[in-house]
Amino acid sequence: MDAEDSPWGDVPSRSSSSANLAKPTDTEAADSVPKPNPPASLTSTQSPSTPAGRGPRTPRKIGAQPTRLEAVDDSLGPLGPLGDNAPTQPEPEQPPVPPSKEQPVPMGNSRQAPSTSSSMNRSMMDSVDLGDEDRPLGARFRHPGQGQSSPGGIENIRRQTQPSVSIEQAARPSFDITVGDPHKVGDLTSSHIVYQVRTKTSSKAYKQPEFTVSRRYRDFLWLYNSLHNSNPGVVVPPPPEKQAVGRFDSNFVESRRAALERMCNKTAAHPILQHDADLKIFLESDAFNVDVKHREHKELGLGENKGMFSSIGFGGGGGGKFIEHDDWFHDRRIYLDALENQLKALLKAIDMVVTQRKGLAEAAGDFSASLHALSTVELSVSLSTPLEGLSDLQLRIRDLYDRQAQQDVLTIGITVDEYIRLIGSIKQAFAQRQKSFHSWHSAEAELSKRKATQEKTLRSGKTQQDRLNQLQADVSDGERRCHQARLLFEDMGRLMRGELERFEREKVEDFKSGVETFLEGAIEAQKELIELWETFLMQLDADEDGEPFFRPPAIMATPAKGKDEPPQASSGEGSQEAAATLTAEQED
């Protein structure tokens, strides 16, 4: 075949020897490299066969393919890189197709079309600045085949633009609840402590952003029971326990006030409990008792049980013994039992420390009273004054010990007691999950009975269509109840997993804060105690420098001589005058 017949204007053929192939390649490289396209266009126009005419194209495929692979060195062309890397054997089963006919075809069996589209996409993407991975636009338009570094860039962008607060936390309403001003009201038989609950919130569900209501202890207890029954599986922060003896003591009232304040703030900060209607009534209602009775009557009128699972008989008590099949919950139950025992032992040790501090305070008070009695009996002023000062110092030390004991209760003691009660609330959530498990299996047993009755009726052969319809409705209702009970058990398990993880996070934060406050208070108390003793020692040193403890008796000075008398005086008179002068100086 001649060069004129070649559609690409290259070397005629490679059917000759390898020596003949090397020469045309070297000689025509200079002509084909600077302008490879014009010969191809000219020869294509001069060739008798066009892309439209496909009849005589078969004999030219075999001759044109090796010529194209050796002569054309166009890496960006539709046929790919050619030259030294070209295949040595002809491939007649894959003839080259003109790119003008392959570009509009979206899907083809040939392998040249994907390379063409990928090369075009590559050239287009190279024209765009994709080196800056911080730009989300460049990462967004990167070709999927070349996106090796794009995931890293996207992660960097997400890390750099990640907000410090999540969207849920930012959209969540904030609450700042303060329980204060405890005062005793009522007569001897109905006396109780009333607290002022002040709330500041950004929630739109409340009428005002700031409001204050009066609540007593049983109102806090009602809030806990209502939230616990309305939200099974949620760990509700519990109130402090009741105390029959000493409930009007100032220290006990203060510790209870702090515990109630922590309970309200934790409840309002909970993502589920903060939207409960009972919490809204507790925080906002001025006529609290009336609203509570109205709500209870409304629920009874609607025939609803307290809670959301009355339709499947959730509140009806559990069945037999419960065996935990989930290892995660089994391990958590064992962990919570051990943690409760350790916290109870720690609370007992803290109570012993507080008792010892109170004992030291009482001993310091007794010591101060004894020193004061001794200072009143002592006739010497130089001794009675330091004794009185030491008595006052012991009184201040007694107050310091009392304050430190109360601070120990309000810092680490109240935290330990709170988490002991929280573990009790978690155990109640476990009990609710156990009830849901028994409810699920009871629903399955009831469904099995209904199905057995239906099958027995069908086997009897009696044509009682109404009876069969009723049995079918009962089976459908049993399946619905069983499905709801199973979903309830699974949802409660997922909810409790999140609640226990939240419990662990808050436990670390609360104990860390409580221990830090406890240590800071202990350091400040020791510094104050050292300062008291140093001040007292400085006063003693000042008294010793100015006025000695044992003051010599004052010697009366002799009357002054008249002007007419001679200046000479006896030695006895001179010594008396010197002693009187020394005594006066000492008194000054």
Protein backbone atom coordinates (compact mmCIF):
# COMPACT_ATOMS: atom_id res chain seq x y z
CA MET A 1 0.00 0.00 0.00
CA ASP A 2 1.36 3.46 -0.95
CA ALA A 3 1.72 6.51 1.22
CA GLU A 4 -0.93 8.27 -0.87
CA ASP A 5 -3.47 5.62 0.06
CA SER A 6 -2.75 5.98 3.80
CA PRO A 7 -5.48 8.01 5.55
CA TRP A 8 -2.96 9.49 7.99
CA GLY A 9 -0.16 10.49 5.54
CA ASP A 10 2.47 8.36 7.26
CA VAL A 11 4.77 5.51 6.38
CA PRO A 12 2.98 3.12 4.06
CA SER A 13 3.30 -0.15 5.95
CA ARG A 14 5.17 -2.16 8.59
CA SER A 15 4.96 -5.45 6.79
CA SER A 16 8.63 -5.11 5.72
CA SER A 17 11.69 -5.96 7.85
CA SER A 18 12.63 -4.17 11.09
CA ALA A 19 15.51 -2.41 9.34
CA ASN A 20 13.14 -0.81 6.89
CA LEU A 21 10.84 0.24 9.74
CA ALA A 22 13.53 2.16 11.59
CA LYS A 23 14.42 4.35 8.63
CA PRO A 24 10.97 5.80 7.89
CA THR A 25 10.46 6.39 11.57
CA ASP A 26 13.63 8.44 11.91
CA THR A 27 13.23 10.32 8.67
CA GLU A 28 9.60 11.25 9.04
CA ALA A 29 9.81 12.16 12.76
CA ALA A 30 11.06 15.64 11.91
CA ASP A 31 8.24 16.18 9.42
CA SER A 32 5.51 14.72 11.59
CA VAL A 33 6.39 16.35 14.94
CA PRO A 34 6.03 20.08 14.11
CA LYS A 35 2.81 19.66 12.13
CA PRO A 36 1.22 16.22 12.58
CA ASN A 37 -2.35 17.33 11.88
CA PRO A 38 -2.18 18.91 8.38
CA PRO A 39 -1.00 15.75 6.62
CA ALA A 40 -3.73 13.79 8.34
CA SER A 41 -6.39 16.24 7.27
CA LEU A 42 -5.12 16.42 3.72
CA THR A 43 -4.82 12.70 3.31
CA SER A 44 -8.20 12.16 4.85
CA THR A 45 -9.77 14.48 2.30
CA GLN A 46 -7.85 12.90 -0.55
CA SER A 47 -8.73 9.36 0.42
CA PRO A 48 -11.57 7.91 -1.58
CA SER A 49 -13.30 6.50 1.49
CA THR A 50 -15.07 8.85 3.90
CA PRO A 51 -16.54 8.12 7.36
CA ALA A 52 -19.93 7.98 5.69
CA GLY A 53 -18.84 5.30 3.29
CA ARG A 54 -17.98 2.22 5.32
CA GLY A 55 -17.76 -0.33 2.49
CA PRO A 56 -14.07 -0.20 1.42
CA ARG A 57 -12.72 0.68 4.91
CA THR A 58 -11.73 -2.87 5.86
CA PRO A 59 -8.52 -3.26 3.77
CA ARG A 60 -7.26 0.15 5.02
CA LYS A 61 -7.62 -0.66 8.71
CA ILE A 62 -4.83 -3.17 8.73
CA GLY A 63 -2.41 -0.94 6.91
CA ALA A 64 -3.30 2.30 8.70
CA GLN A 65 -3.05 1.07 12.26
CA PRO A 66 0.71 0.34 12.48
CA THR A 67 1.41 3.56 10.60
CA ARG A 68 -0.61 5.57 13.07
CA LEU A 69 1.07 3.96 16.06
CA GLU A 70 4.61 4.70 14.86
CA ALA A 71 4.41 8.07 13.20
CA VAL A 72 1.87 10.07 15.20
CA ASP A 73 3.19 11.16 18.62
CA ASP A 74 0.15 12.97 19.94
CA SER A 75 -0.36 12.15 23.62
CA LEU A 76 -3.41 14.39 23.82
CA GLY A 77 -5.07 13.03 20.72
CA PRO A 78 -7.99 10.65 20.70
CA LEU A 79 -5.78 7.67 19.87
CA GLY A 80 -3.48 7.97 22.89
CA PRO A 81 0.36 8.01 23.05
CA LEU A 82 2.22 6.46 20.12
CA GLY A 83 5.82 5.86 19.11
CA ASP A 84 8.23 3.54 20.90
CA ASN A 85 5.51 2.31 23.29
CA ALA A 86 3.20 1.27 20.44
CA PRO A 87 2.35 -2.43 20.13
CA THR A 88 4.38 -4.35 17.58
CA GLN A 89 1.61 -6.72 16.45
CA PRO A 90 -1.38 -5.46 14.47
CA GLU A 91 -4.80 -5.77 15.99
CA PRO A 92 -7.29 -6.20 13.17
CA GLU A 93 -10.16 -6.98 15.55
CA GLN A 94 -10.00 -3.40 16.99
CA PRO A 95 -9.85 -1.03 14.02
CA PRO A 96 -9.45 2.67 14.68
CA VAL A 97 -12.58 4.75 14.47
CA PRO A 98 -12.52 8.44 13.57
CA PRO A 99 -13.04 10.56 16.70
CA SER A 100 -15.73 12.65 14.98
CA LYS A 101 -18.04 9.66 15.02
CA GLU A 102 -17.16 8.38 18.51
CA GLN A 103 -17.56 11.61 20.50
CA PRO A 104 -21.38 11.87 20.35
CA VAL A 105 -21.79 8.19 21.38
CA PRO A 106 -22.21 8.08 25.22
CA MET A 107 -21.75 4.33 25.66
CA GLY A 108 -19.56 2.20 23.43
CA ASN A 109 -17.80 -1.12 23.48
CA SER A 110 -14.53 0.41 22.30
CA ARG A 111 -11.91 1.36 24.88
CA GLN A 112 -10.83 4.49 23.03
CA ALA A 113 -13.93 6.53 23.94
CA PRO A 114 -13.32 6.47 27.74
CA SER A 115 -9.72 7.48 27.21
CA THR A 116 -10.87 10.35 24.99
CA SER A 117 -13.39 11.63 27.52
CA SER A 118 -10.96 11.20 30.39
CA SER A 119 -8.24 13.09 28.50
CA MET A 120 -10.68 15.90 27.71
CA ASN A 121 -11.81 16.04 31.31
CA ARG A 122 -8.22 16.00 32.44
CA SER A 123 -7.35 18.93 30.20
CA MET A 124 -10.40 20.84 31.38
CA MET A 125 -9.63 20.17 35.04
CA ASP A 126 -6.02 21.18 34.54
CA SER A 127 -7.22 24.59 33.42
CA VAL A 128 -8.92 25.04 36.81
CA ASP A 129 -6.78 25.72 39.88
CA LEU A 130 -7.25 22.52 41.86
CA GLY A 131 -4.06 22.73 43.87
CA ASP A 132 -5.71 24.66 46.67
CA GLU A 133 -7.48 21.99 48.68
CA ASP A 134 -8.85 24.55 51.10
CA ARG A 135 -11.32 25.65 48.43
CA PRO A 136 -14.43 23.47 48.60
CA LEU A 137 -15.32 24.38 45.00
CA GLY A 138 -12.19 22.78 43.57
CA ALA A 139 -12.66 19.69 45.67
CA ARG A 140 -16.28 19.54 44.63
CA PHE A 141 -15.52 19.56 40.87
CA ARG A 142 -12.60 17.14 41.00
CA HIS A 143 -12.92 14.18 38.67
CA PRO A 144 -13.83 10.96 40.53
CA GLY A 145 -10.99 9.05 38.94
CA GLN A 146 -8.43 11.58 40.10
CA GLY A 147 -9.78 12.29 43.60
CA GLN A 148 -7.02 10.61 45.54
CA SER A 149 -6.22 13.66 47.64
CA SER A 150 -9.73 15.13 47.73
CA PRO A 151 -10.95 13.21 50.83
CA GLY A 152 -8.02 14.55 52.84
CA GLY A 153 -8.76 18.05 51.65
CA ILE A 154 -12.42 17.73 52.60
CA GLU A 155 -11.47 16.46 56.04
CA ASN A 156 -9.11 19.37 56.52
CA ILE A 157 -11.85 21.78 55.49
CA ARG A 158 -14.27 20.17 57.93
CA ARG A 159 -11.73 20.29 60.73
CA GLN A 160 -10.96 23.93 60.07
CA THR A 161 -14.58 25.02 59.78
CA GLN A 162 -15.95 22.78 62.54
CA PRO A 163 -17.83 24.93 65.08
CA SER A 164 -17.02 24.77 68.77
CA VAL A 165 -20.69 24.02 69.55
CA SER A 166 -22.84 21.62 67.58
CA ILE A 167 -25.99 22.76 65.83
CA GLU A 168 -28.18 20.82 68.26
CA GLN A 169 -26.51 22.45 71.26
CA ALA A 170 -26.73 25.89 69.69
CA ALA A 171 -30.43 25.47 68.94
CA ARG A 172 -31.15 23.99 72.35
CA PRO A 173 -32.70 26.47 74.82
CA SER A 174 -30.63 27.49 77.82
CA PHE A 175 -31.79 27.39 81.44
CA ASP A 176 -30.32 29.02 84.53
CA ILE A 177 -32.24 27.91 87.61
CA THR A 178 -31.50 29.13 91.13
CA VAL A 179 -33.09 27.66 94.24
CA GLY A 180 -32.71 30.03 97.19
CA ASP A 181 -34.27 31.95 100.03
CA PRO A 182 -35.32 28.95 102.15
CA HIS A 183 -37.69 29.99 104.92
CA LYS A 184 -39.93 28.14 107.33
CA VAL A 185 -43.68 28.57 107.03
CA GLY A 186 -46.73 27.05 108.74
CA ASP A 187 -47.59 26.27 112.33
CA LEU A 188 -46.20 23.58 114.59
CA THR A 189 -48.04 20.71 112.94
CA SER A 190 -47.72 21.77 109.28
CA SER A 191 -44.40 23.59 109.28
CA HIS A 192 -42.18 23.15 106.22
CA ILE A 193 -39.48 24.90 104.22
CA VAL A 194 -40.39 26.90 101.12
CA TYR A 195 -37.82 27.72 98.42
CA GLN A 196 -37.82 30.43 95.76
CA VAL A 197 -37.12 28.93 92.33
CA ARG A 198 -35.82 31.58 89.92
CA THR A 199 -35.53 30.67 86.25
CA LYS A 200 -33.84 32.42 83.33
CA THR A 201 -34.40 30.76 79.97
CA SER A 202 -34.19 31.42 76.25
CA SER A 203 -36.95 28.92 75.44
CA LYS A 204 -39.94 30.27 73.53
CA ALA A 205 -42.24 27.77 75.23
CA TYR A 206 -42.36 29.93 78.35
CA LYS A 207 -44.31 33.15 78.69
CA GLN A 208 -41.42 35.23 80.05
CA PRO A 209 -37.63 34.86 79.97
CA GLU A 210 -37.38 35.33 83.76
CA PHE A 211 -39.82 34.26 86.44
CA THR A 212 -39.88 33.16 90.09
CA VAL A 213 -42.15 30.67 91.84
CA SER A 214 -42.37 29.21 95.36
CA ARG A 215 -41.96 25.46 95.82
CA ARG A 216 -41.62 23.06 98.72
CA TYR A 217 -39.85 19.71 98.90
CA ARG A 218 -42.83 17.57 97.90
CA ASP A 219 -43.19 19.61 94.69
CA PHE A 220 -39.67 18.61 93.68
CA LEU A 221 -40.55 15.01 94.51
CA TRP A 222 -43.66 15.22 92.29
CA LEU A 223 -41.54 16.51 89.42
CA TYR A 224 -39.15 13.57 89.70
CA ASN A 225 -41.91 10.95 89.79
CA SER A 226 -43.77 12.54 86.88
CA LEU A 227 -40.68 12.75 84.68
CA HIS A 228 -39.67 9.21 85.59
CA ASN A 229 -43.08 7.78 84.65
CA SER A 230 -43.45 9.84 81.49
CA ASN A 231 -39.96 9.06 80.14
CA PRO A 232 -39.11 5.37 80.68
CA GLY A 233 -35.49 4.61 80.00
CA VAL A 234 -34.32 8.16 80.75
CA VAL A 235 -32.09 8.74 83.77
CA VAL A 236 -33.97 11.46 85.67
CA PRO A 237 -31.91 13.45 88.22
CA PRO A 238 -33.43 12.55 91.61
CA PRO A 239 -34.08 14.93 94.55
CA PRO A 240 -32.36 14.49 97.93
CA GLU A 241 -33.86 11.99 100.32
CA LYS A 242 -36.24 12.83 103.11
CA GLN A 243 -35.04 13.37 106.67
CA ALA A 244 -37.42 13.29 109.61
CA VAL A 245 -35.00 14.46 112.29
CA GLY A 246 -33.18 17.77 112.02
CA ARG A 247 -34.90 18.91 108.85
CA PHE A 248 -34.93 22.51 110.04
CA ASP A 249 -31.23 22.58 110.88
CA SER A 250 -29.41 25.33 109.01
CA ASN A 251 -26.69 23.04 107.64
CA PHE A 252 -29.22 20.47 106.47
CA VAL A 253 -31.41 23.12 104.84
CA GLU A 254 -28.42 24.54 102.98
CA SER A 255 -27.27 21.12 101.74
CA ARG A 256 -30.82 20.28 100.61
CA ARG A 257 -31.13 23.62 98.82
CA ALA A 258 -27.90 23.00 96.91
CA ALA A 259 -29.02 19.46 95.98
CA LEU A 260 -32.40 20.71 94.73
CA GLU A 261 -30.70 23.38 92.64
CA ARG A 262 -28.40 20.83 91.01
CA MET A 263 -31.40 18.60 90.31
CA CYS A 264 -33.32 21.38 88.55
CA ASN A 265 -30.37 22.49 86.42
CA LYS A 266 -29.52 18.93 85.36
CA THR A 267 -33.14 18.25 84.47
CA ALA A 268 -33.43 21.44 82.42
CA ALA A 269 -30.13 20.68 80.64
CA HIS A 270 -31.31 17.21 79.57
CA PRO A 271 -32.15 17.15 75.83
CA ILE A 272 -35.33 15.10 76.40
CA LEU A 273 -36.57 16.25 79.80
CA GLN A 274 -36.29 19.97 79.04
CA HIS A 275 -39.27 19.68 76.65
CA ASP A 276 -41.51 17.86 79.11
CA ALA A 277 -44.79 19.54 80.03
CA ASP A 278 -44.41 18.64 83.71
CA LEU A 279 -41.17 20.60 83.93
CA LYS A 280 -42.89 23.61 82.39
CA ILE A 281 -45.68 23.43 84.98
CA PHE A 282 -43.17 23.12 87.81
CA LEU A 283 -41.06 26.08 86.74
CA GLU A 284 -43.73 28.46 85.56
CA SER A 285 -47.08 27.79 87.21
CA ASP A 286 -48.16 30.23 89.90
CA ALA A 287 -51.10 28.03 90.91
CA PHE A 288 -49.07 24.84 91.03
CA ASN A 289 -51.43 22.65 93.10
CA VAL A 290 -54.44 23.58 90.96
CA ASP A 291 -52.60 22.87 87.70
CA VAL A 292 -51.37 19.51 88.97
CA LYS A 293 -54.87 18.41 89.98
CA HIS A 294 -56.29 19.63 86.68
CA ARG A 295 -53.67 17.65 84.77
CA GLU A 296 -54.37 14.49 86.75
CA HIS A 297 -58.13 14.78 86.22
CA LYS A 298 -57.59 15.37 82.53
CA GLU A 299 -55.50 12.23 82.20
CA LEU A 300 -58.09 10.20 84.10
CA GLY A 301 -60.88 11.59 81.90
CA LEU A 302 -59.03 10.54 78.76
CA GLY A 303 -58.47 7.06 80.20
CA GLU A 304 -54.69 7.34 80.00
CA ASN A 305 -52.15 5.93 82.35
CA LYS A 306 -49.20 8.03 83.37
CA GLY A 307 -46.78 7.27 80.59
CA MET A 308 -46.79 6.54 76.91
CA PHE A 309 -47.06 2.73 76.85
CA SER A 310 -50.49 2.04 78.24
CA SER A 311 -51.65 0.73 74.86
CA ILE A 312 -49.43 -2.32 75.20
CA GLY A 313 -49.92 -2.86 78.90
CA PHE A 314 -46.53 -1.56 79.92
CA GLY A 315 -47.50 -0.38 83.39
CA GLY A 316 -48.88 -3.71 84.49
CA GLY A 317 -45.86 -5.14 86.31
CA GLY A 318 -43.27 -7.65 85.20
CA GLY A 319 -43.42 -11.39 84.83
CA GLY A 320 -40.97 -13.96 86.11
CA LYS A 321 -37.24 -13.81 86.57
CA PHE A 322 -35.42 -11.67 84.07
CA ILE A 323 -32.23 -12.98 82.49
CA GLU A 324 -30.11 -10.38 80.72
CA HIS A 325 -29.12 -11.57 77.27
CA ASP A 326 -27.17 -8.45 76.30
CA ASP A 327 -23.58 -8.59 77.55
CA TRP A 328 -23.24 -4.81 77.41
CA PHE A 329 -26.12 -4.23 79.82
CA HIS A 330 -24.95 -7.11 82.01
CA ASP A 331 -21.49 -5.58 82.37
CA ARG A 332 -22.96 -2.15 83.06
CA ARG A 333 -25.19 -3.56 85.78
CA ILE A 334 -22.23 -5.17 87.52
CA TYR A 335 -20.22 -1.97 87.15
CA LEU A 336 -23.01 0.16 88.61
CA ASP A 337 -23.34 -2.15 91.62
CA ALA A 338 -19.62 -1.92 92.33
CA LEU A 339 -19.62 1.84 91.79
CA GLU A 340 -22.54 2.28 94.17
CA ASN A 341 -20.74 0.33 96.90
CA GLN A 342 -17.56 2.37 96.47
CA LEU A 343 -19.45 5.67 96.50
CA LYS A 344 -21.29 4.67 99.66
CA ALA A 345 -17.98 3.83 101.33
CA LEU A 346 -16.56 7.19 100.20
CA LEU A 347 -19.61 9.03 101.52
CA LYS A 348 -19.22 7.28 104.85
CA ALA A 349 -15.58 8.36 105.01
CA ILE A 350 -16.54 11.94 104.16
CA ASP A 351 -19.13 11.90 106.93
CA MET A 352 -16.42 10.76 109.36
CA VAL A 353 -14.16 13.62 108.24
CA VAL A 354 -17.00 16.12 108.67
CA THR A 355 -17.75 14.69 112.10
CA GLN A 356 -14.10 15.02 113.09
CA ARG A 357 -14.01 18.63 111.93
CA LYS A 358 -17.12 19.41 113.91
CA GLY A 359 -15.54 17.71 116.92
CA LEU A 360 -12.44 19.89 116.51
CA ALA A 361 -14.66 22.95 116.32
CA GLU A 362 -16.41 21.99 119.57
CA ALA A 363 -13.07 21.31 121.25
CA ALA A 364 -11.76 24.69 120.12
CA GLY A 365 -14.88 26.32 121.55
CA ASP A 366 -14.42 24.57 124.90
CA PHE A 367 -10.75 25.55 124.93
CA SER A 368 -11.69 29.17 124.24
CA ALA A 369 -14.22 29.19 127.09
CA SER A 370 -11.61 27.82 129.53
CA LEU A 371 -9.03 30.44 128.48
CA HIS A 372 -11.57 33.21 128.86
CA ALA A 373 -12.46 32.04 132.38
CA LEU A 374 -8.77 31.93 133.31
CA SER A 375 -8.14 35.41 131.95
CA THR A 376 -10.94 36.83 134.10
CA VAL A 377 -9.48 35.25 137.26
CA GLU A 378 -5.88 36.30 136.59
CA LEU A 379 -5.02 39.58 138.35
CA SER A 380 -1.91 40.30 136.32
CA VAL A 381 -2.73 42.36 133.26
CA SER A 382 0.39 41.18 131.46
CA LEU A 383 -0.86 37.57 131.66
CA SER A 384 -4.59 38.02 131.34
CA THR A 385 -4.30 39.99 128.09
CA PRO A 386 -2.52 37.18 126.14
CA LEU A 387 -4.94 34.63 127.56
CA GLU A 388 -7.90 36.67 126.35
CA GLY A 389 -6.29 37.02 122.92
CA LEU A 390 -5.75 33.26 122.72
CA SER A 391 -9.38 32.71 123.69
CA ASP A 392 -10.53 34.91 120.83
CA LEU A 393 -8.19 33.07 118.47
CA GLN A 394 -9.72 29.71 119.41
CA LEU A 395 -13.17 31.08 118.69
CA ARG A 396 -12.05 32.06 115.21
CA ILE A 397 -10.50 28.62 114.73
CA ARG A 398 -13.79 27.05 115.79
CA ASP A 399 -15.65 29.05 113.16
CA LEU A 400 -13.05 28.02 110.59
CA TYR A 401 -13.53 24.32 111.37
CA ASP A 402 -17.31 24.66 111.18
CA ARG A 403 -17.09 26.44 107.85
CA GLN A 404 -14.66 23.87 106.46
CA ALA A 405 -16.92 20.99 107.54
CA GLN A 406 -19.88 22.59 105.80
CA GLN A 407 -17.77 23.23 102.71
CA ASP A 408 -16.74 19.57 102.57
CA VAL A 409 -20.40 18.59 102.55
CA LEU A 410 -21.32 21.11 99.84
CA THR A 411 -18.42 20.28 97.50
CA ILE A 412 -17.48 16.63 97.35
CA GLY A 413 -20.07 15.27 99.77
CA ILE A 414 -23.07 16.50 97.80
CA THR A 415 -21.51 15.20 94.54
CA VAL A 416 -21.04 11.70 95.96
CA ASP A 417 -24.55 11.67 97.40
CA GLU A 418 -26.00 12.88 94.11
CA TYR A 419 -24.38 10.09 92.10
CA ILE A 420 -25.51 7.47 94.60
CA ARG A 421 -29.06 8.67 93.96
CA LEU A 422 -28.41 8.79 90.21
CA ILE A 423 -27.37 5.15 90.27
CA GLY A 424 -30.68 4.42 91.97
CA SER A 425 -32.45 6.24 89.14
CA ILE A 426 -30.49 4.18 86.59
CA LYS A 427 -31.57 1.00 88.35
CA GLN A 428 -35.18 2.14 88.04
CA ALA A 429 -34.59 2.60 84.31
CA PHE A 430 -33.23 -0.97 84.22
CA ALA A 431 -36.40 -2.10 85.97
CA GLN A 432 -38.49 -0.33 83.34
CA ARG A 433 -36.54 -2.08 80.61
CA GLN A 434 -37.17 -5.38 82.37
CA LYS A 435 -40.90 -4.63 82.43
CA SER A 436 -40.85 -3.87 78.73
CA PHE A 437 -39.12 -7.21 78.12
CA HIS A 438 -41.81 -9.06 80.05
CA SER A 439 -44.48 -7.08 78.22
CA TRP A 440 -42.96 -8.11 74.90
CA HIS A 441 -42.91 -11.80 75.82
CA SER A 442 -46.41 -11.61 77.25
CA ALA A 443 -47.60 -10.15 73.97
CA GLU A 444 -45.86 -12.98 72.09
CA ALA A 445 -47.50 -15.59 74.32
CA GLU A 446 -50.91 -13.98 73.84
CA LEU A 447 -50.34 -13.90 70.08
CA SER A 448 -49.45 -17.60 70.06
CA LYS A 449 -52.67 -18.42 71.93
CA ARG A 450 -54.76 -16.44 69.49
CA LYS A 451 -53.11 -18.10 66.50
CA ALA A 452 -53.65 -21.54 68.03
CA THR A 453 -57.34 -20.74 68.58
CA GLN A 454 -57.64 -19.55 65.01
CA GLU A 455 -56.01 -22.69 63.60
CA LYS A 456 -58.20 -24.91 65.77
CA THR A 457 -61.30 -23.16 64.53
CA LEU A 458 -60.16 -23.51 60.92
CA ARG A 459 -59.47 -27.23 61.35
CA SER A 460 -62.91 -27.83 62.80
CA GLY A 461 -64.41 -27.09 59.39
CA LYS A 462 -67.27 -25.05 60.73
CA THR A 463 -68.25 -22.19 58.51
CA GLN A 464 -68.58 -19.40 61.02
CA GLN A 465 -67.48 -16.36 59.09
CA ASP A 466 -68.13 -13.91 61.91
CA ARG A 467 -66.11 -16.01 64.29
CA LEU A 468 -63.27 -16.30 61.80
CA ASN A 469 -63.29 -12.56 61.20
CA GLN A 470 -63.17 -11.93 64.93
CA LEU A 471 -60.26 -14.34 65.36
CA GLN A 472 -58.42 -12.74 62.47
CA ALA A 473 -58.91 -9.30 64.04
CA ASP A 474 -57.63 -10.63 67.37
CA VAL A 475 -54.55 -12.08 65.70
CA SER A 476 -53.88 -8.81 63.91
CA ASP A 477 -54.26 -6.90 67.15
CA GLY A 478 -51.91 -9.32 68.90
CA GLU A 479 -49.33 -8.93 66.15
CA ARG A 480 -49.57 -5.16 66.46
CA ARG A 481 -49.10 -5.30 70.23
CA CYS A 482 -46.20 -7.71 69.91
CA HIS A 483 -44.54 -5.51 67.32
CA GLN A 484 -44.99 -2.40 69.46
CA ALA A 485 -43.62 -4.17 72.54
CA ARG A 486 -40.58 -5.37 70.63
CA LEU A 487 -39.92 -1.90 69.22
CA LEU A 488 -40.34 -0.43 72.70
CA PHE A 489 -37.78 -2.82 74.17
CA GLU A 490 -35.29 -2.11 71.40
CA ASP A 491 -35.80 1.66 71.53
CA MET A 492 -35.43 1.64 75.30
CA GLY A 493 -32.17 -0.28 74.96
CA ARG A 494 -30.77 2.28 72.53
CA LEU A 495 -31.97 5.13 74.71
CA MET A 496 -30.38 3.66 77.83
CA ARG A 497 -27.08 3.21 76.03
CA GLY A 498 -27.01 6.92 75.26
CA GLU A 499 -28.10 7.77 78.80
CA LEU A 500 -25.34 5.67 80.36
CA GLU A 501 -22.73 7.22 78.08
CA ARG A 502 -24.00 10.66 79.10
CA PHE A 503 -23.86 9.57 82.74
CA GLU A 504 -20.20 8.61 82.38
CA ARG A 505 -19.25 11.94 80.79
CA GLU A 506 -21.04 14.01 83.39
CA LYS A 507 -19.64 11.89 86.21
CA VAL A 508 -16.07 12.66 85.20
CA GLU A 509 -16.78 16.39 84.89
CA ASP A 510 -18.71 16.65 88.16
CA PHE A 511 -16.19 14.71 90.23
CA LYS A 512 -13.32 16.64 88.74
CA SER A 513 -15.00 19.93 89.60
CA GLY A 514 -15.98 18.73 93.08
CA VAL A 515 -12.49 17.49 93.96
CA GLU A 516 -10.88 20.69 92.68
CA THR A 517 -13.25 22.81 94.76
CA PHE A 518 -12.63 20.59 97.79
CA LEU A 519 -8.85 20.95 97.47
CA GLU A 520 -9.05 24.70 96.92
CA GLY A 521 -11.22 25.07 100.02
CA ALA A 522 -8.82 22.97 102.09
CA ILE A 523 -5.83 25.04 100.96
CA GLU A 524 -7.61 28.31 101.72
CA ALA A 525 -8.61 27.05 105.15
CA GLN A 526 -5.03 26.09 105.99
CA LYS A 527 -3.76 29.45 104.78
CA GLU A 528 -6.31 31.26 106.93
CA LEU A 529 -5.36 29.15 109.95
CA ILE A 530 -1.64 29.90 109.49
CA GLU A 531 -2.43 33.59 109.12
CA LEU A 532 -4.39 33.57 112.38
CA TRP A 533 -1.51 32.01 114.32
CA GLU A 534 1.09 34.30 112.75
CA THR A 535 -0.97 37.37 113.60
CA PHE A 536 -1.32 36.25 117.19
CA LEU A 537 2.44 35.65 117.50
CA MET A 538 3.17 39.09 116.09
CA GLN A 539 0.88 40.64 118.70
CA LEU A 540 2.68 38.75 121.45
CA ASP A 541 6.05 39.99 120.18
CA ALA A 542 4.75 43.54 120.08
CA ASP A 543 3.47 43.25 123.63
CA GLU A 544 6.80 41.87 124.81
CA ASP A 545 8.69 44.76 123.24
CA GLY A 546 6.37 47.42 124.63
CA GLU A 547 5.03 46.02 127.88
CA PRO A 548 6.73 43.08 129.65
CA PHE A 549 4.63 40.34 131.15
CA PHE A 550 5.88 41.07 134.68
CA ARG A 551 5.67 44.75 135.30
CA PRO A 552 7.63 46.06 138.36
CA PRO A 553 5.61 48.13 140.87
CA ALA A 554 5.64 51.87 140.34
CA ILE A 555 7.87 53.80 142.82
CA MET A 556 6.53 57.12 144.00
CA ALA A 557 8.88 59.99 143.14
CA THR A 558 10.01 62.38 145.95
CA PRO A 559 8.67 65.95 145.89
CA ALA A 560 10.83 68.44 144.07
CA LYS A 561 13.23 70.68 146.00
CA GLY A 562 12.63 74.34 146.33
CA LYS A 563 14.73 76.92 144.54
CA ASP A 564 16.34 78.18 147.73
CA GLU A 565 17.64 74.80 148.79
CA PRO A 566 21.17 73.77 147.82
CA PRO A 567 21.54 71.51 144.85
CA GLN A 568 23.54 68.86 146.72
CA ALA A 569 21.60 65.82 147.80
CA SER A 570 22.41 62.67 149.63
CA SER A 571 23.13 59.44 147.82
CA GLY A 572 19.87 57.87 149.01
CA GLU A 573 17.83 60.68 147.55
CA GLY A 574 19.68 60.40 144.21
CA SER A 575 19.00 56.71 143.98
CA GLN A 576 15.29 57.26 144.67
CA GLU A 577 15.11 59.88 141.93
CA ALA A 578 16.85 57.53 139.46
CA ALA A 579 14.46 54.69 140.28
CA ALA A 580 11.46 56.99 139.84
CA THR A 581 12.77 58.14 136.45
CA LEU A 582 13.36 54.55 135.32
CA THR A 583 9.88 53.55 136.39
CA ALA A 584 8.34 56.45 134.50
CA GLU A 585 10.24 55.52 131.34
CA GLN A 586 9.11 51.93 131.61
CA GLU A 587 5.52 53.04 132.04
CA ASP A 588 5.81 55.26 128.97
